[in-house]
Amino acid sequence: MEFINFGGMKNFAVILSGCGVYDGAEIHESVLTLLAIDKAGARYQCFAPDIPQHHVLNHVTGMEMSEKRNVLVESARIARGNIKPLSVFSPAGYDALILPGGFGAAKNLCDWAVKGDNCRVNPDVEKAIKAMFEAGKPIGAMCIAPVILAKLFQSTNLTTGNDPGSQKFIEKMGNQYTRTTHGEVVIDKARKLLTTPCYMLDASITQIATGTQNLVKEMMEMLNHA
């Protein structure tokens, strides 16, 4: 069922990739993104692909576990159950799209963490991003999630902070890389793509809050001046 906006508020779609920094969505980035959207006077709806996780890691030891988990089910923990499978996403109901980071963005939303230059983006993720792009609506990505944009687009300007590995990939895919520090947002105004480093840097939770707030602020300004 498509979201219907009766009050003129801006509507953000947020794509999650599980629950937990090492195998899913980064929880601080995800929750602080939702808070920033709410504080900006907008609404949000969480989505996630209904697929198995790449793997499950013990977040105490960092060791891989034998159990299996589902990306949509795990993402529902962050969304407090208010989540939809990404397969039903329609750009018509939303003004902007945001992808928090966490290794799930590079393992579940795409497989960059495993295949590097030869990575592929999940079909539902690619469809949602390209649909918003073609509709001329802002797309924000934080932490490692900009590698997804790098795979889907060329000749754009992106950041993951100052990480050499992702910088090399972003540039190899035909994009410009801008080195950034805490809270900075790189904006490709022509393509309406916005990125910020968050936990790709050695950051405190306060610095993550600043990054997510600044990203949402810039996206709101873009929407209000469209």
N, C-alpha and C. Protein backbone atom coordinates (compact mmCIF):
# COMPACT_ATOMS: atom_id res chain seq x y z
N MET A 1 0.84 -1.19 0.00
CA MET A 1 0.00 0.00 0.00
C MET A 1 0.88 1.24 0.00
N GLU A 2 0.60 2.16 -0.90
CA GLU A 2 1.41 3.37 -1.04
C GLU A 2 1.09 4.38 0.05
N PHE A 3 2.14 5.03 0.55
CA PHE A 3 1.95 6.07 1.56
C PHE A 3 1.28 7.27 0.94
N ILE A 4 0.27 7.81 1.61
CA ILE A 4 -0.44 8.98 1.13
C ILE A 4 -0.21 10.12 2.10
N ASN A 5 0.23 11.24 1.58
CA ASN A 5 0.53 12.40 2.41
C ASN A 5 -0.63 13.37 2.39
N PHE A 6 -1.29 13.54 3.54
CA PHE A 6 -2.44 14.43 3.63
C PHE A 6 -2.06 15.81 4.17
N GLY A 7 -0.88 15.94 4.78
CA GLY A 7 -0.59 17.18 5.48
C GLY A 7 0.48 18.05 4.86
N GLY A 8 0.98 17.69 3.68
CA GLY A 8 2.00 18.49 3.04
C GLY A 8 3.39 18.28 3.59
N MET A 9 3.57 17.33 4.50
CA MET A 9 4.90 17.04 5.05
C MET A 9 5.74 16.28 4.02
N LYS A 10 7.05 16.46 4.11
CA LYS A 10 7.96 15.72 3.25
C LYS A 10 8.08 14.29 3.75
N ASN A 11 8.17 13.35 2.84
CA ASN A 11 8.21 11.93 3.18
C ASN A 11 9.53 11.31 2.74
N PHE A 12 10.24 10.72 3.69
CA PHE A 12 11.52 10.07 3.42
C PHE A 12 11.34 8.56 3.45
N ALA A 13 11.92 7.90 2.47
CA ALA A 13 12.07 6.44 2.52
C ALA A 13 13.48 6.14 3.02
N VAL A 14 13.59 5.21 3.97
CA VAL A 14 14.89 4.85 4.55
C VAL A 14 15.12 3.36 4.30
N ILE A 15 16.19 3.04 3.60
CA ILE A 15 16.49 1.64 3.30
C ILE A 15 17.48 1.10 4.33
N LEU A 16 17.05 0.11 5.09
CA LEU A 16 17.89 -0.54 6.09
C LEU A 16 18.46 -1.84 5.53
N SER A 17 19.51 -2.34 6.18
CA SER A 17 20.21 -3.51 5.65
C SER A 17 20.42 -4.59 6.70
N GLY A 18 19.55 -4.62 7.71
CA GLY A 18 19.70 -5.54 8.81
C GLY A 18 19.79 -4.78 10.11
N CYS A 19 20.41 -5.37 11.12
CA CYS A 19 20.48 -4.73 12.43
C CYS A 19 21.81 -5.07 13.10
N GLY A 20 22.76 -4.16 13.00
CA GLY A 20 24.06 -4.38 13.62
C GLY A 20 25.18 -4.00 12.68
N VAL A 21 26.15 -3.26 13.18
CA VAL A 21 27.17 -2.65 12.33
C VAL A 21 27.94 -3.64 11.47
N TYR A 22 28.23 -4.83 11.98
CA TYR A 22 29.13 -5.73 11.26
C TYR A 22 28.45 -6.59 10.21
N ASP A 23 27.14 -6.76 10.32
CA ASP A 23 26.44 -7.60 9.34
C ASP A 23 25.12 -7.00 8.86
N GLY A 24 24.81 -5.78 9.30
CA GLY A 24 23.54 -5.16 8.94
C GLY A 24 23.66 -3.64 8.92
N ALA A 25 22.56 -2.97 9.20
CA ALA A 25 22.56 -1.52 9.27
C ALA A 25 23.21 -1.05 10.57
N GLU A 26 23.99 0.02 10.49
CA GLU A 26 24.60 0.61 11.69
C GLU A 26 23.47 1.24 12.51
N ILE A 27 23.30 0.78 13.74
CA ILE A 27 22.13 1.15 14.52
C ILE A 27 22.13 2.63 14.89
N HIS A 28 23.26 3.17 15.32
CA HIS A 28 23.31 4.59 15.67
C HIS A 28 22.96 5.46 14.46
N GLU A 29 23.58 5.16 13.33
CA GLU A 29 23.31 5.93 12.12
C GLU A 29 21.83 5.84 11.72
N SER A 30 21.28 4.66 11.82
CA SER A 30 19.89 4.45 11.41
C SER A 30 18.92 5.20 12.32
N VAL A 31 19.08 5.02 13.64
CA VAL A 31 18.16 5.66 14.58
C VAL A 31 18.31 7.18 14.55
N LEU A 32 19.55 7.66 14.48
CA LEU A 32 19.76 9.11 14.44
C LEU A 32 19.26 9.72 13.14
N THR A 33 19.26 8.94 12.06
CA THR A 33 18.66 9.41 10.81
C THR A 33 17.15 9.58 10.98
N LEU A 34 16.52 8.60 11.59
CA LEU A 34 15.07 8.70 11.82
C LEU A 34 14.75 9.88 12.72
N LEU A 35 15.58 10.09 13.74
CA LEU A 35 15.38 11.23 14.64
C LEU A 35 15.55 12.55 13.88
N ALA A 36 16.57 12.64 13.05
CA ALA A 36 16.81 13.86 12.29
C ALA A 36 15.65 14.17 11.35
N ILE A 37 15.11 13.15 10.72
CA ILE A 37 13.96 13.35 9.84
C ILE A 37 12.76 13.87 10.63
N ASP A 38 12.51 13.26 11.77
CA ASP A 38 11.38 13.67 12.61
C ASP A 38 11.57 15.10 13.11
N LYS A 39 12.77 15.44 13.56
CA LYS A 39 13.05 16.78 14.06
C LYS A 39 12.94 17.83 12.95
N ALA A 40 13.16 17.41 11.73
CA ALA A 40 13.06 18.33 10.59
C ALA A 40 11.61 18.56 10.17
N GLY A 41 10.69 17.90 10.86
CA GLY A 41 9.27 18.08 10.54
C GLY A 41 8.81 17.24 9.36
N ALA A 42 9.52 16.15 9.09
CA ALA A 42 9.16 15.27 7.99
C ALA A 42 8.75 13.89 8.54
N ARG A 43 8.30 13.05 7.64
CA ARG A 43 7.93 11.69 7.99
C ARG A 43 8.88 10.71 7.34
N TYR A 44 8.90 9.48 7.87
CA TYR A 44 9.74 8.45 7.28
C TYR A 44 9.01 7.12 7.25
N GLN A 45 9.42 6.30 6.30
CA GLN A 45 8.99 4.91 6.23
C GLN A 45 10.22 4.07 5.95
N CYS A 46 10.43 3.04 6.77
CA CYS A 46 11.58 2.16 6.60
C CYS A 46 11.25 1.03 5.63
N PHE A 47 12.25 0.67 4.84
CA PHE A 47 12.17 -0.44 3.90
C PHE A 47 13.42 -1.30 4.06
N ALA A 48 13.33 -2.55 3.62
CA ALA A 48 14.50 -3.42 3.55
C ALA A 48 14.20 -4.54 2.57
N PRO A 49 15.22 -5.03 1.88
CA PRO A 49 14.99 -6.18 0.99
C PRO A 49 14.67 -7.43 1.80
N ASP A 50 13.75 -8.21 1.32
CA ASP A 50 13.34 -9.45 1.99
C ASP A 50 14.22 -10.58 1.46
N ILE A 51 15.45 -10.63 2.00
CA ILE A 51 16.46 -11.58 1.53
C ILE A 51 17.25 -12.11 2.73
N PRO A 52 17.94 -13.24 2.57
CA PRO A 52 18.82 -13.71 3.64
C PRO A 52 20.01 -12.77 3.81
N GLN A 53 20.47 -12.61 5.05
CA GLN A 53 21.71 -11.87 5.28
C GLN A 53 22.88 -12.61 4.66
N HIS A 54 23.89 -11.86 4.28
CA HIS A 54 25.12 -12.48 3.76
C HIS A 54 25.69 -13.46 4.77
N HIS A 55 25.77 -13.01 6.03
CA HIS A 55 26.16 -13.88 7.15
C HIS A 55 25.78 -13.18 8.45
N VAL A 56 25.97 -13.87 9.55
CA VAL A 56 25.65 -13.32 10.87
C VAL A 56 26.91 -13.33 11.71
N LEU A 57 27.23 -12.18 12.30
CA LEU A 57 28.42 -12.07 13.14
C LEU A 57 28.04 -11.84 14.60
N ASN A 58 28.80 -12.45 15.48
CA ASN A 58 28.69 -12.19 16.90
C ASN A 58 29.32 -10.83 17.17
N HIS A 59 28.52 -9.86 17.62
CA HIS A 59 29.03 -8.51 17.79
C HIS A 59 29.89 -8.33 19.05
N VAL A 60 30.02 -9.38 19.86
CA VAL A 60 30.94 -9.36 21.00
C VAL A 60 32.32 -9.84 20.56
N THR A 61 32.34 -10.95 19.83
CA THR A 61 33.62 -11.57 19.46
C THR A 61 34.06 -11.22 18.04
N GLY A 62 33.11 -10.81 17.19
CA GLY A 62 33.42 -10.56 15.79
C GLY A 62 33.46 -11.83 14.96
N MET A 63 33.15 -12.96 15.55
CA MET A 63 33.21 -14.24 14.85
C MET A 63 31.90 -14.53 14.13
N GLU A 64 32.01 -15.22 13.00
CA GLU A 64 30.83 -15.61 12.24
C GLU A 64 30.08 -16.71 12.97
N MET A 65 28.75 -16.63 12.92
CA MET A 65 27.89 -17.60 13.57
C MET A 65 27.23 -18.50 12.53
N SER A 66 26.75 -19.66 12.95
CA SER A 66 26.19 -20.63 12.02
C SER A 66 24.72 -20.33 11.68
N GLU A 67 24.07 -19.48 12.44
CA GLU A 67 22.65 -19.23 12.21
C GLU A 67 22.40 -18.39 10.97
N LYS A 68 21.14 -18.43 10.51
CA LYS A 68 20.70 -17.66 9.35
C LYS A 68 19.72 -16.59 9.81
N ARG A 69 19.79 -15.42 9.18
CA ARG A 69 18.85 -14.35 9.48
C ARG A 69 18.38 -13.68 8.20
N ASN A 70 17.25 -12.97 8.30
CA ASN A 70 16.64 -12.31 7.17
C ASN A 70 16.80 -10.80 7.31
N VAL A 71 17.18 -10.12 6.24
CA VAL A 71 17.45 -8.68 6.29
C VAL A 71 16.21 -7.88 6.68
N LEU A 72 15.07 -8.21 6.12
CA LEU A 72 13.84 -7.49 6.45
C LEU A 72 13.45 -7.71 7.91
N VAL A 73 13.53 -8.94 8.38
CA VAL A 73 13.16 -9.26 9.75
C VAL A 73 14.08 -8.56 10.74
N GLU A 74 15.38 -8.57 10.45
CA GLU A 74 16.33 -7.92 11.35
C GLU A 74 16.16 -6.40 11.32
N SER A 75 15.92 -5.83 10.15
CA SER A 75 15.72 -4.39 10.04
C SER A 75 14.49 -3.93 10.81
N ALA A 76 13.51 -4.81 10.92
CA ALA A 76 12.29 -4.48 11.65
C ALA A 76 12.56 -4.18 13.12
N ARG A 77 13.67 -4.68 13.65
CA ARG A 77 14.05 -4.37 15.04
C ARG A 77 14.29 -2.87 15.19
N ILE A 78 14.99 -2.27 14.22
CA ILE A 78 15.27 -0.84 14.27
C ILE A 78 13.99 -0.03 14.03
N ALA A 79 13.17 -0.52 13.11
CA ALA A 79 11.95 0.20 12.72
C ALA A 79 10.78 -0.05 13.67
N ARG A 80 11.02 -0.79 14.74
CA ARG A 80 9.96 -1.15 15.70
C ARG A 80 8.78 -1.81 14.99
N GLY A 81 9.09 -2.60 13.98
CA GLY A 81 8.09 -3.36 13.26
C GLY A 81 7.42 -2.62 12.12
N ASN A 82 7.59 -1.31 12.07
CA ASN A 82 6.96 -0.51 11.01
C ASN A 82 7.88 -0.46 9.80
N ILE A 83 7.86 -1.51 9.03
CA ILE A 83 8.76 -1.64 7.89
C ILE A 83 8.05 -2.36 6.76
N LYS A 84 8.51 -2.09 5.54
CA LYS A 84 7.93 -2.72 4.36
C LYS A 84 9.03 -3.37 3.53
N PRO A 85 8.69 -4.46 2.83
CA PRO A 85 9.68 -5.04 1.92
C PRO A 85 9.98 -4.07 0.80
N LEU A 86 11.23 -3.95 0.44
CA LEU A 86 11.64 -2.98 -0.57
C LEU A 86 11.01 -3.26 -1.93
N SER A 87 10.58 -4.47 -2.14
CA SER A 87 9.96 -4.84 -3.42
C SER A 87 8.67 -4.07 -3.69
N VAL A 88 8.02 -3.53 -2.65
CA VAL A 88 6.76 -2.80 -2.85
C VAL A 88 6.99 -1.30 -2.93
N PHE A 89 8.24 -0.84 -2.86
CA PHE A 89 8.52 0.60 -2.87
C PHE A 89 8.10 1.24 -4.18
N SER A 90 7.47 2.41 -4.05
CA SER A 90 7.11 3.22 -5.21
C SER A 90 7.59 4.65 -4.98
N PRO A 91 8.32 5.24 -5.92
CA PRO A 91 8.82 6.59 -5.72
C PRO A 91 7.73 7.64 -5.64
N ALA A 92 6.55 7.32 -6.12
CA ALA A 92 5.47 8.30 -6.14
C ALA A 92 5.07 8.77 -4.74
N GLY A 93 5.26 7.94 -3.74
CA GLY A 93 4.83 8.28 -2.39
C GLY A 93 5.89 8.96 -1.54
N TYR A 94 7.08 9.21 -2.10
CA TYR A 94 8.19 9.70 -1.28
C TYR A 94 8.93 10.85 -1.97
N ASP A 95 9.43 11.75 -1.14
CA ASP A 95 10.14 12.92 -1.64
C ASP A 95 11.65 12.72 -1.65
N ALA A 96 12.16 11.81 -0.83
CA ALA A 96 13.60 11.62 -0.71
C ALA A 96 13.89 10.22 -0.21
N LEU A 97 15.13 9.78 -0.41
CA LEU A 97 15.56 8.43 -0.04
C LEU A 97 16.89 8.52 0.69
N ILE A 98 17.03 7.78 1.78
CA ILE A 98 18.28 7.75 2.55
C ILE A 98 18.72 6.31 2.81
N LEU A 99 20.03 6.10 2.70
CA LEU A 99 20.63 4.80 3.02
C LEU A 99 21.64 4.99 4.15
N PRO A 100 21.31 4.57 5.39
CA PRO A 100 22.33 4.53 6.45
C PRO A 100 23.40 3.51 6.10
N GLY A 101 24.52 3.59 6.84
CA GLY A 101 25.62 2.67 6.57
C GLY A 101 25.59 1.43 7.43
N GLY A 102 26.75 0.96 7.79
CA GLY A 102 26.89 -0.35 8.40
C GLY A 102 27.34 -1.32 7.32
N PHE A 103 28.03 -2.40 7.71
CA PHE A 103 28.53 -3.34 6.72
C PHE A 103 27.42 -4.02 5.93
N GLY A 104 26.20 -4.00 6.47
CA GLY A 104 25.08 -4.56 5.72
C GLY A 104 24.87 -3.88 4.39
N ALA A 105 25.20 -2.58 4.32
CA ALA A 105 25.07 -1.86 3.05
C ALA A 105 26.00 -2.44 2.01
N ALA A 106 27.15 -2.95 2.45
CA ALA A 106 28.15 -3.50 1.54
C ALA A 106 28.12 -5.02 1.46
N LYS A 107 27.24 -5.65 2.24
CA LYS A 107 27.13 -7.11 2.22
C LYS A 107 25.74 -7.58 1.78
N ASN A 108 24.71 -6.80 2.15
CA ASN A 108 23.33 -7.21 1.88
C ASN A 108 22.67 -6.36 0.79
N LEU A 109 22.88 -5.04 0.83
CA LEU A 109 22.31 -4.18 -0.21
C LEU A 109 23.11 -4.29 -1.50
N CYS A 110 24.37 -4.58 -1.36
CA CYS A 110 25.24 -4.94 -2.49
C CYS A 110 26.29 -5.89 -1.93
N ASP A 111 27.18 -6.37 -2.76
CA ASP A 111 28.20 -7.31 -2.27
C ASP A 111 29.61 -6.75 -2.45
N TRP A 112 29.73 -5.42 -2.32
CA TRP A 112 31.03 -4.78 -2.47
C TRP A 112 32.06 -5.31 -1.47
N ALA A 113 31.64 -5.61 -0.25
CA ALA A 113 32.56 -6.09 0.79
C ALA A 113 33.19 -7.42 0.41
N VAL A 114 32.54 -8.15 -0.48
CA VAL A 114 33.02 -9.47 -0.88
C VAL A 114 33.68 -9.46 -2.26
N LYS A 115 33.06 -8.73 -3.19
CA LYS A 115 33.50 -8.80 -4.59
C LYS A 115 34.18 -7.54 -5.10
N GLY A 116 34.22 -6.48 -4.29
CA GLY A 116 34.94 -5.29 -4.68
C GLY A 116 34.48 -4.70 -6.00
N ASP A 117 35.41 -4.52 -6.93
CA ASP A 117 35.10 -3.89 -8.22
C ASP A 117 34.03 -4.64 -9.00
N ASN A 118 33.90 -5.93 -8.76
CA ASN A 118 32.93 -6.75 -9.50
C ASN A 118 31.60 -6.90 -8.76
N CYS A 119 31.37 -6.02 -7.81
CA CYS A 119 30.15 -6.13 -6.99
C CYS A 119 28.90 -5.88 -7.80
N ARG A 120 27.79 -6.36 -7.25
CA ARG A 120 26.48 -6.13 -7.84
C ARG A 120 25.56 -5.57 -6.76
N VAL A 121 24.64 -4.71 -7.17
CA VAL A 121 23.67 -4.13 -6.26
C VAL A 121 22.42 -4.99 -6.28
N ASN A 122 21.85 -5.23 -5.09
CA ASN A 122 20.58 -5.98 -5.01
C ASN A 122 19.56 -5.37 -5.96
N PRO A 123 18.84 -6.17 -6.73
CA PRO A 123 17.91 -5.63 -7.74
C PRO A 123 16.85 -4.68 -7.18
N ASP A 124 16.30 -4.98 -6.01
CA ASP A 124 15.29 -4.09 -5.43
C ASP A 124 15.91 -2.77 -4.98
N VAL A 125 17.14 -2.84 -4.47
CA VAL A 125 17.85 -1.62 -4.08
C VAL A 125 18.13 -0.76 -5.31
N GLU A 126 18.65 -1.39 -6.35
CA GLU A 126 18.94 -0.66 -7.59
C GLU A 126 17.67 -0.05 -8.18
N LYS A 127 16.60 -0.80 -8.19
CA LYS A 127 15.34 -0.29 -8.75
C LYS A 127 14.85 0.92 -7.97
N ALA A 128 14.90 0.87 -6.64
CA ALA A 128 14.41 1.98 -5.81
C ALA A 128 15.26 3.23 -6.01
N ILE A 129 16.59 3.06 -6.01
CA ILE A 129 17.48 4.21 -6.17
C ILE A 129 17.32 4.84 -7.54
N LYS A 130 17.30 4.02 -8.57
CA LYS A 130 17.18 4.56 -9.93
C LYS A 130 15.82 5.21 -10.16
N ALA A 131 14.79 4.67 -9.54
CA ALA A 131 13.45 5.27 -9.68
C ALA A 131 13.41 6.66 -9.06
N MET A 132 14.03 6.82 -7.88
CA MET A 132 14.08 8.13 -7.24
C MET A 132 14.96 9.08 -8.05
N PHE A 133 16.06 8.58 -8.56
CA PHE A 133 16.97 9.40 -9.37
C PHE A 133 16.26 9.91 -10.62
N GLU A 134 15.56 9.02 -11.30
CA GLU A 134 14.86 9.40 -12.52
C GLU A 134 13.71 10.36 -12.25
N ALA A 135 13.17 10.31 -11.02
CA ALA A 135 12.11 11.23 -10.63
C ALA A 135 12.67 12.57 -10.16
N GLY A 136 14.00 12.71 -10.12
CA GLY A 136 14.62 13.95 -9.70
C GLY A 136 14.50 14.24 -8.22
N LYS A 137 14.49 13.16 -7.41
CA LYS A 137 14.33 13.31 -5.96
C LYS A 137 15.65 13.03 -5.25
N PRO A 138 15.94 13.76 -4.16
CA PRO A 138 17.22 13.63 -3.48
C PRO A 138 17.46 12.23 -2.90
N ILE A 139 18.70 11.79 -2.99
CA ILE A 139 19.14 10.51 -2.45
C ILE A 139 20.34 10.76 -1.55
N GLY A 140 20.26 10.34 -0.29
CA GLY A 140 21.35 10.51 0.65
C GLY A 140 21.93 9.17 1.04
N ALA A 141 23.25 9.13 1.22
CA ALA A 141 23.92 7.90 1.64
C ALA A 141 25.02 8.25 2.62
N MET A 142 25.18 7.44 3.64
CA MET A 142 26.19 7.71 4.67
C MET A 142 27.09 6.51 4.90
N CYS A 143 28.22 6.78 5.53
CA CYS A 143 29.16 5.73 5.88
C CYS A 143 29.65 5.01 4.62
N ILE A 144 29.49 3.70 4.52
CA ILE A 144 29.96 2.94 3.36
C ILE A 144 28.91 2.87 2.25
N ALA A 145 27.67 3.29 2.52
CA ALA A 145 26.60 3.20 1.53
C ALA A 145 26.88 3.95 0.23
N PRO A 146 27.71 5.01 0.22
CA PRO A 146 28.01 5.66 -1.07
C PRO A 146 28.63 4.75 -2.12
N VAL A 147 29.21 3.60 -1.74
CA VAL A 147 29.75 2.70 -2.77
C VAL A 147 28.62 2.17 -3.66
N ILE A 148 27.41 2.11 -3.12
CA ILE A 148 26.26 1.69 -3.92
C ILE A 148 25.99 2.72 -5.01
N LEU A 149 26.02 3.99 -4.62
CA LEU A 149 25.81 5.06 -5.61
C LEU A 149 26.93 5.06 -6.64
N ALA A 150 28.16 4.77 -6.20
CA ALA A 150 29.30 4.75 -7.11
C ALA A 150 29.14 3.66 -8.17
N LYS A 151 28.52 2.55 -7.78
CA LYS A 151 28.32 1.46 -8.73
C LYS A 151 27.21 1.79 -9.73
N LEU A 152 26.22 2.56 -9.29
CA LEU A 152 25.04 2.83 -10.13
C LEU A 152 25.18 4.08 -11.00
N PHE A 153 26.06 5.01 -10.60
CA PHE A 153 26.18 6.28 -11.31
C PHE A 153 27.64 6.57 -11.63
N GLN A 154 27.84 7.41 -12.62
CA GLN A 154 29.17 7.86 -12.98
C GLN A 154 29.20 9.39 -13.00
N SER A 155 30.41 9.92 -12.91
CA SER A 155 30.65 11.36 -13.01
C SER A 155 29.95 12.14 -11.90
N THR A 156 29.79 11.52 -10.74
CA THR A 156 29.22 12.23 -9.61
C THR A 156 30.31 12.43 -8.55
N ASN A 157 30.00 13.19 -7.52
CA ASN A 157 30.95 13.52 -6.45
C ASN A 157 30.47 12.88 -5.16
N LEU A 158 31.30 12.01 -4.57
CA LEU A 158 30.89 11.23 -3.41
C LEU A 158 31.96 11.28 -2.33
N THR A 159 31.57 10.89 -1.10
CA THR A 159 32.55 10.79 -0.01
C THR A 159 32.25 9.60 0.88
N THR A 160 33.30 9.05 1.44
CA THR A 160 33.21 8.12 2.57
C THR A 160 34.16 8.58 3.66
N GLY A 161 34.50 9.86 3.64
CA GLY A 161 35.43 10.41 4.62
C GLY A 161 36.83 10.50 4.06
N ASN A 162 37.69 9.58 4.47
CA ASN A 162 39.06 9.53 3.93
C ASN A 162 39.56 8.10 3.84
N ASP A 163 38.67 7.19 3.47
CA ASP A 163 38.98 5.77 3.41
C ASP A 163 39.59 5.40 2.06
N PRO A 164 40.84 4.94 2.02
CA PRO A 164 41.52 4.67 0.75
C PRO A 164 40.85 3.60 -0.11
N GLY A 165 40.35 2.52 0.53
CA GLY A 165 39.76 1.43 -0.23
C GLY A 165 38.52 1.84 -0.99
N SER A 166 37.59 2.49 -0.31
CA SER A 166 36.36 2.92 -0.97
C SER A 166 36.64 4.08 -1.93
N GLN A 167 37.62 4.92 -1.60
CA GLN A 167 37.99 6.01 -2.51
C GLN A 167 38.46 5.44 -3.85
N LYS A 168 39.31 4.43 -3.78
CA LYS A 168 39.82 3.81 -5.01
C LYS A 168 38.67 3.24 -5.85
N PHE A 169 37.72 2.59 -5.20
CA PHE A 169 36.59 2.02 -5.92
C PHE A 169 35.72 3.11 -6.54
N ILE A 170 35.40 4.13 -5.75
CA ILE A 170 34.54 5.22 -6.24
C ILE A 170 35.16 5.89 -7.46
N GLU A 171 36.45 6.12 -7.41
CA GLU A 171 37.13 6.75 -8.54
C GLU A 171 37.24 5.80 -9.73
N LYS A 172 37.46 4.52 -9.47
CA LYS A 172 37.55 3.54 -10.56
C LYS A 172 36.23 3.40 -11.30
N MET A 173 35.12 3.62 -10.59
CA MET A 173 33.81 3.55 -11.21
C MET A 173 33.48 4.82 -12.01
N GLY A 174 34.42 5.76 -12.03
CA GLY A 174 34.24 6.95 -12.84
C GLY A 174 33.67 8.14 -12.12
N ASN A 175 33.89 8.19 -10.80
CA ASN A 175 33.35 9.28 -10.00
C ASN A 175 34.47 10.07 -9.33
N GLN A 176 34.12 11.25 -8.84
CA GLN A 176 35.06 12.07 -8.07
C GLN A 176 34.90 11.74 -6.59
N TYR A 177 36.01 11.76 -5.86
CA TYR A 177 35.99 11.52 -4.43
C TYR A 177 36.44 12.78 -3.70
N THR A 178 35.67 13.20 -2.71
CA THR A 178 36.02 14.34 -1.88
C THR A 178 36.29 13.87 -0.46
N ARG A 179 37.47 14.17 0.05
CA ARG A 179 37.80 13.80 1.44
C ARG A 179 37.08 14.76 2.39
N THR A 180 36.49 14.20 3.43
CA THR A 180 35.69 14.98 4.36
C THR A 180 35.99 14.57 5.80
N THR A 181 35.55 15.41 6.71
CA THR A 181 35.64 15.09 8.13
C THR A 181 34.24 15.08 8.73
N HIS A 182 34.15 15.03 10.04
CA HIS A 182 32.89 14.85 10.74
C HIS A 182 31.84 15.90 10.34
N GLY A 183 30.65 15.42 10.02
CA GLY A 183 29.53 16.32 9.79
C GLY A 183 29.46 16.95 8.42
N GLU A 184 30.50 16.77 7.61
CA GLU A 184 30.50 17.39 6.29
C GLU A 184 29.65 16.57 5.31
N VAL A 185 28.98 17.29 4.42
CA VAL A 185 28.11 16.65 3.43
C VAL A 185 28.59 17.06 2.04
N VAL A 186 28.83 16.09 1.19
CA VAL A 186 29.19 16.36 -0.20
C VAL A 186 27.91 16.30 -1.02
N ILE A 187 27.67 17.36 -1.80
CA ILE A 187 26.41 17.49 -2.53
C ILE A 187 26.66 17.58 -4.02
N ASP A 188 26.08 16.68 -4.77
CA ASP A 188 26.03 16.79 -6.22
C ASP A 188 24.66 17.38 -6.55
N LYS A 189 24.61 18.69 -6.70
CA LYS A 189 23.32 19.38 -6.87
C LYS A 189 22.61 18.97 -8.15
N ALA A 190 23.37 18.75 -9.20
CA ALA A 190 22.75 18.41 -10.48
C ALA A 190 22.05 17.06 -10.42
N ARG A 191 22.66 16.11 -9.73
CA ARG A 191 22.08 14.77 -9.65
C ARG A 191 21.29 14.53 -8.37
N LYS A 192 21.38 15.48 -7.45
CA LYS A 192 20.70 15.40 -6.16
C LYS A 192 21.14 14.18 -5.36
N LEU A 193 22.45 13.97 -5.34
CA LEU A 193 23.06 12.90 -4.55
C LEU A 193 23.87 13.54 -3.43
N LEU A 194 23.63 13.10 -2.18
CA LEU A 194 24.29 13.70 -1.02
C LEU A 194 24.91 12.59 -0.17
N THR A 195 26.15 12.79 0.25
CA THR A 195 26.85 11.77 1.04
C THR A 195 27.59 12.40 2.21
N THR A 196 27.72 11.61 3.29
CA THR A 196 28.44 12.06 4.49
C THR A 196 29.11 10.85 5.14
N PRO A 197 30.27 11.01 5.79
CA PRO A 197 31.07 9.85 6.19
C PRO A 197 30.60 9.08 7.43
N CYS A 198 30.07 9.76 8.44
CA CYS A 198 29.64 9.11 9.68
C CYS A 198 30.71 8.15 10.21
N TYR A 199 30.37 6.87 10.44
CA TYR A 199 31.31 5.95 11.08
C TYR A 199 32.41 5.41 10.17
N MET A 200 32.51 5.94 8.95
CA MET A 200 33.72 5.64 8.18
C MET A 200 34.91 6.37 8.80
N LEU A 201 34.61 7.36 9.64
CA LEU A 201 35.63 8.03 10.43
C LEU A 201 35.57 7.50 11.86
N ASP A 202 36.62 7.71 12.62
CA ASP A 202 36.62 7.38 14.04
C ASP A 202 35.76 8.43 14.74
N ALA A 203 34.49 8.11 14.99
CA ALA A 203 33.52 9.13 15.39
C ALA A 203 32.86 8.80 16.72
N SER A 204 32.42 9.83 17.41
CA SER A 204 31.58 9.68 18.60
C SER A 204 30.12 9.69 18.16
N ILE A 205 29.24 9.27 19.04
CA ILE A 205 27.83 9.25 18.68
C ILE A 205 27.31 10.68 18.46
N THR A 206 27.89 11.66 19.15
CA THR A 206 27.51 13.06 18.93
C THR A 206 27.90 13.50 17.53
N GLN A 207 29.07 13.07 17.06
CA GLN A 207 29.48 13.41 15.71
C GLN A 207 28.62 12.72 14.67
N ILE A 208 28.15 11.52 14.98
CA ILE A 208 27.21 10.83 14.08
C ILE A 208 25.90 11.59 14.02
N ALA A 209 25.43 12.08 15.16
CA ALA A 209 24.20 12.86 15.18
C ALA A 209 24.34 14.11 14.32
N THR A 210 25.50 14.76 14.40
CA THR A 210 25.74 15.94 13.58
C THR A 210 25.70 15.59 12.09
N GLY A 211 26.34 14.48 11.74
CA GLY A 211 26.36 14.07 10.34
C GLY A 211 24.98 13.77 9.78
N THR A 212 24.19 13.02 10.54
CA THR A 212 22.85 12.68 10.06
C THR A 212 21.97 13.93 9.99
N GLN A 213 22.09 14.80 10.98
CA GLN A 213 21.31 16.03 10.98
C GLN A 213 21.66 16.91 9.79
N ASN A 214 22.95 17.03 9.51
CA ASN A 214 23.37 17.85 8.39
C ASN A 214 22.92 17.28 7.06
N LEU A 215 22.97 15.95 6.94
CA LEU A 215 22.51 15.31 5.71
C LEU A 215 21.03 15.57 5.50
N VAL A 216 20.23 15.35 6.52
CA VAL A 216 18.78 15.57 6.40
C VAL A 216 18.48 17.05 6.15
N LYS A 217 19.21 17.92 6.83
CA LYS A 217 19.01 19.36 6.63
C LYS A 217 19.24 19.75 5.18
N GLU A 218 20.33 19.28 4.60
CA GLU A 218 20.64 19.62 3.21
C GLU A 218 19.59 19.04 2.26
N MET A 219 19.11 17.85 2.56
CA MET A 219 18.07 17.25 1.72
C MET A 219 16.76 18.02 1.84
N MET A 220 16.42 18.45 3.03
CA MET A 220 15.21 19.25 3.22
C MET A 220 15.31 20.58 2.48
N GLU A 221 16.48 21.21 2.54
CA GLU A 221 16.66 22.47 1.83
C GLU A 221 16.54 22.28 0.33
N MET A 222 17.05 21.17 -0.15
CA MET A 222 16.93 20.85 -1.56
C MET A 222 15.47 20.66 -1.96
N LEU A 223 14.72 19.99 -1.09
CA LEU A 223 13.30 19.77 -1.37
C LEU A 223 12.51 21.07 -1.31
N ASN A 224 12.83 21.90 -0.33
CA ASN A 224 12.07 23.15 -0.15
C ASN A 224 12.35 24.18 -1.22
N HIS A 225 13.50 24.02 -1.94
CA HIS A 225 13.83 24.97 -2.99
C HIS A 225 13.67 24.37 -4.39
N ALA A 226 13.01 23.21 -4.44
CA ALA A 226 12.82 22.56 -5.73
C ALA A 226 11.80 23.32 -6.58
